């Protein structure tokens, strides 16, 4: 589990990489997810395409 301080406005690159790894996606995909560029169905499709069970 990753915790982010309530006062933090930006997430560091290192922390974004860690969070992406936890979700089993690339950092660029995580950035898209955070920016609402990836829908729930898109994320499901990424997992299915990679054979990741969720």
N, C-alpha and C. Protein backbone atom coordinates (compact mmCIF):
# COMPACT_ATOMS: atom_id res chain seq x y z
N UNK A 1 0.84 -1.16 0.00
CA UNK A 1 0.00 0.00 0.00
C UNK A 1 0.89 1.23 0.00
N UNK A 2 0.49 2.24 -0.74
CA UNK A 2 1.25 3.49 -0.82
C UNK A 2 0.46 4.59 -0.16
N UNK A 3 1.14 5.36 0.68
CA UNK A 3 0.51 6.48 1.37
C UNK A 3 1.07 7.78 0.84
N UNK A 4 0.21 8.75 0.61
CA UNK A 4 0.63 10.07 0.16
C UNK A 4 0.14 11.08 1.19
N UNK A 5 1.03 11.98 1.58
CA UNK A 5 0.68 13.01 2.56
C UNK A 5 -0.47 13.86 2.05
N UNK A 6 -1.37 14.24 2.94
CA UNK A 6 -2.51 15.08 2.57
C UNK A 6 -2.07 16.45 2.07
N UNK A 7 -0.93 16.94 2.52
CA UNK A 7 -0.45 18.25 2.11
C UNK A 7 0.34 18.23 0.81
N UNK A 8 0.64 17.06 0.29
CA UNK A 8 1.44 16.94 -0.92
C UNK A 8 0.56 17.20 -2.14
N UNK A 9 1.01 18.11 -2.99
CA UNK A 9 0.24 18.43 -4.19
C UNK A 9 0.73 17.66 -5.41
N UNK A 10 2.02 17.33 -5.44
CA UNK A 10 2.58 16.59 -6.56
C UNK A 10 3.22 15.31 -6.05
N UNK A 11 3.16 14.30 -6.89
CA UNK A 11 3.76 13.01 -6.56
C UNK A 11 5.09 12.93 -7.30
N UNK A 12 6.13 12.55 -6.61
CA UNK A 12 7.46 12.45 -7.23
C UNK A 12 7.47 11.33 -8.28
N UNK A 13 8.41 11.42 -9.21
CA UNK A 13 8.56 10.38 -10.24
C UNK A 13 8.80 9.01 -9.61
N UNK A 14 9.62 8.99 -8.56
CA UNK A 14 9.92 7.73 -7.89
C UNK A 14 8.66 7.11 -7.31
N UNK A 15 7.85 7.94 -6.63
CA UNK A 15 6.62 7.42 -6.03
C UNK A 15 5.63 7.00 -7.12
N UNK A 16 5.56 7.74 -8.22
CA UNK A 16 4.67 7.35 -9.31
C UNK A 16 5.09 6.00 -9.89
N UNK A 17 6.38 5.77 -10.00
CA UNK A 17 6.88 4.48 -10.49
C UNK A 17 6.50 3.35 -9.55
N UNK A 18 6.61 3.60 -8.26
CA UNK A 18 6.24 2.59 -7.26
C UNK A 18 4.75 2.29 -7.34
N UNK A 19 3.93 3.32 -7.44
CA UNK A 19 2.48 3.13 -7.52
C UNK A 19 2.09 2.39 -8.80
N UNK A 20 2.74 2.74 -9.91
CA UNK A 20 2.48 2.05 -11.18
C UNK A 20 2.83 0.57 -11.05
N UNK A 21 3.96 0.29 -10.42
CA UNK A 21 4.39 -1.10 -10.23
C UNK A 21 3.35 -1.87 -9.40
N UNK A 22 2.81 -1.22 -8.37
CA UNK A 22 1.79 -1.86 -7.54
C UNK A 22 0.55 -2.22 -8.36
N UNK A 23 0.23 -1.38 -9.35
CA UNK A 23 -0.92 -1.62 -10.21
C UNK A 23 -0.59 -2.49 -11.41
N UNK A 24 0.71 -2.84 -11.54
CA UNK A 24 1.20 -3.69 -12.62
C UNK A 24 0.99 -3.05 -13.99
N UNK A 25 1.24 -1.72 -14.05
CA UNK A 25 1.17 -1.00 -15.31
C UNK A 25 2.43 -0.15 -15.45
N UNK A 26 2.66 0.33 -16.67
CA UNK A 26 3.80 1.19 -16.93
C UNK A 26 3.57 2.56 -16.28
N UNK A 27 4.66 3.27 -16.02
CA UNK A 27 4.55 4.60 -15.41
C UNK A 27 3.73 5.53 -16.30
N UNK A 28 3.94 5.46 -17.61
CA UNK A 28 3.19 6.32 -18.54
C UNK A 28 1.70 6.00 -18.49
N UNK A 29 1.36 4.73 -18.33
CA UNK A 29 -0.04 4.33 -18.20
C UNK A 29 -0.62 4.85 -16.89
N UNK A 30 0.19 4.80 -15.83
CA UNK A 30 -0.26 5.33 -14.54
C UNK A 30 -0.54 6.83 -14.65
N UNK A 31 0.36 7.56 -15.34
CA UNK A 31 0.15 8.99 -15.51
C UNK A 31 -1.15 9.26 -16.26
N UNK A 32 -1.42 8.46 -17.30
CA UNK A 32 -2.69 8.59 -18.03
C UNK A 32 -3.88 8.28 -17.14
N UNK A 33 -3.74 7.27 -16.30
CA UNK A 33 -4.81 6.90 -15.39
C UNK A 33 -5.12 8.03 -14.41
N UNK A 34 -4.09 8.63 -13.86
CA UNK A 34 -4.26 9.73 -12.91
C UNK A 34 -4.91 10.94 -13.59
N UNK A 35 -4.56 11.16 -14.85
CA UNK A 35 -5.11 12.29 -15.61
C UNK A 35 -6.46 11.96 -16.25
N UNK A 36 -7.02 10.80 -15.90
CA UNK A 36 -8.31 10.32 -16.42
C UNK A 36 -8.25 10.06 -17.93
N UNK A 37 -7.07 9.75 -18.43
CA UNK A 37 -6.92 9.40 -19.84
C UNK A 37 -7.14 7.93 -20.11
N UNK A 38 -7.22 7.14 -19.05
CA UNK A 38 -7.50 5.71 -19.16
C UNK A 38 -8.78 5.45 -18.37
N UNK A 39 -9.75 4.86 -19.03
CA UNK A 39 -11.01 4.53 -18.36
C UNK A 39 -10.87 3.20 -17.60
N UNK A 40 -11.85 2.91 -16.82
CA UNK A 40 -11.86 1.63 -16.09
C UNK A 40 -11.76 0.47 -17.08
N UNK A 41 -12.53 0.56 -18.18
CA UNK A 41 -12.51 -0.51 -19.17
C UNK A 41 -11.15 -0.61 -19.85
N UNK A 42 -10.51 0.54 -20.11
CA UNK A 42 -9.16 0.53 -20.69
C UNK A 42 -8.19 -0.20 -19.77
N UNK A 43 -8.28 0.07 -18.47
CA UNK A 43 -7.40 -0.59 -17.51
C UNK A 43 -7.67 -2.09 -17.46
N UNK A 44 -8.92 -2.46 -17.49
CA UNK A 44 -9.29 -3.88 -17.52
C UNK A 44 -8.70 -4.53 -18.77
N UNK A 45 -8.80 -3.85 -19.90
CA UNK A 45 -8.25 -4.40 -21.15
C UNK A 45 -6.74 -4.55 -21.09
N UNK A 46 -6.06 -3.60 -20.46
CA UNK A 46 -4.61 -3.71 -20.29
C UNK A 46 -4.28 -4.98 -19.50
N UNK A 47 -5.00 -5.18 -18.39
CA UNK A 47 -4.77 -6.37 -17.57
C UNK A 47 -5.07 -7.66 -18.36
N UNK A 48 -6.18 -7.67 -19.07
CA UNK A 48 -6.55 -8.87 -19.84
C UNK A 48 -5.53 -9.15 -20.93
N UNK A 49 -5.07 -8.10 -21.65
CA UNK A 49 -4.08 -8.27 -22.71
C UNK A 49 -2.77 -8.84 -22.16
N UNK A 50 -2.45 -8.51 -20.94
CA UNK A 50 -1.19 -8.96 -20.34
C UNK A 50 -1.36 -10.23 -19.51
N UNK A 51 -2.57 -10.75 -19.45
CA UNK A 51 -2.82 -11.97 -18.69
C UNK A 51 -2.73 -11.77 -17.20
N UNK A 52 -2.99 -10.54 -16.74
CA UNK A 52 -2.94 -10.24 -15.31
C UNK A 52 -4.32 -10.45 -14.71
N UNK A 53 -4.38 -11.26 -13.68
CA UNK A 53 -5.65 -11.48 -12.98
C UNK A 53 -5.86 -10.38 -11.97
N UNK A 54 -7.09 -9.93 -11.85
CA UNK A 54 -7.40 -8.87 -10.89
C UNK A 54 -8.66 -9.19 -10.15
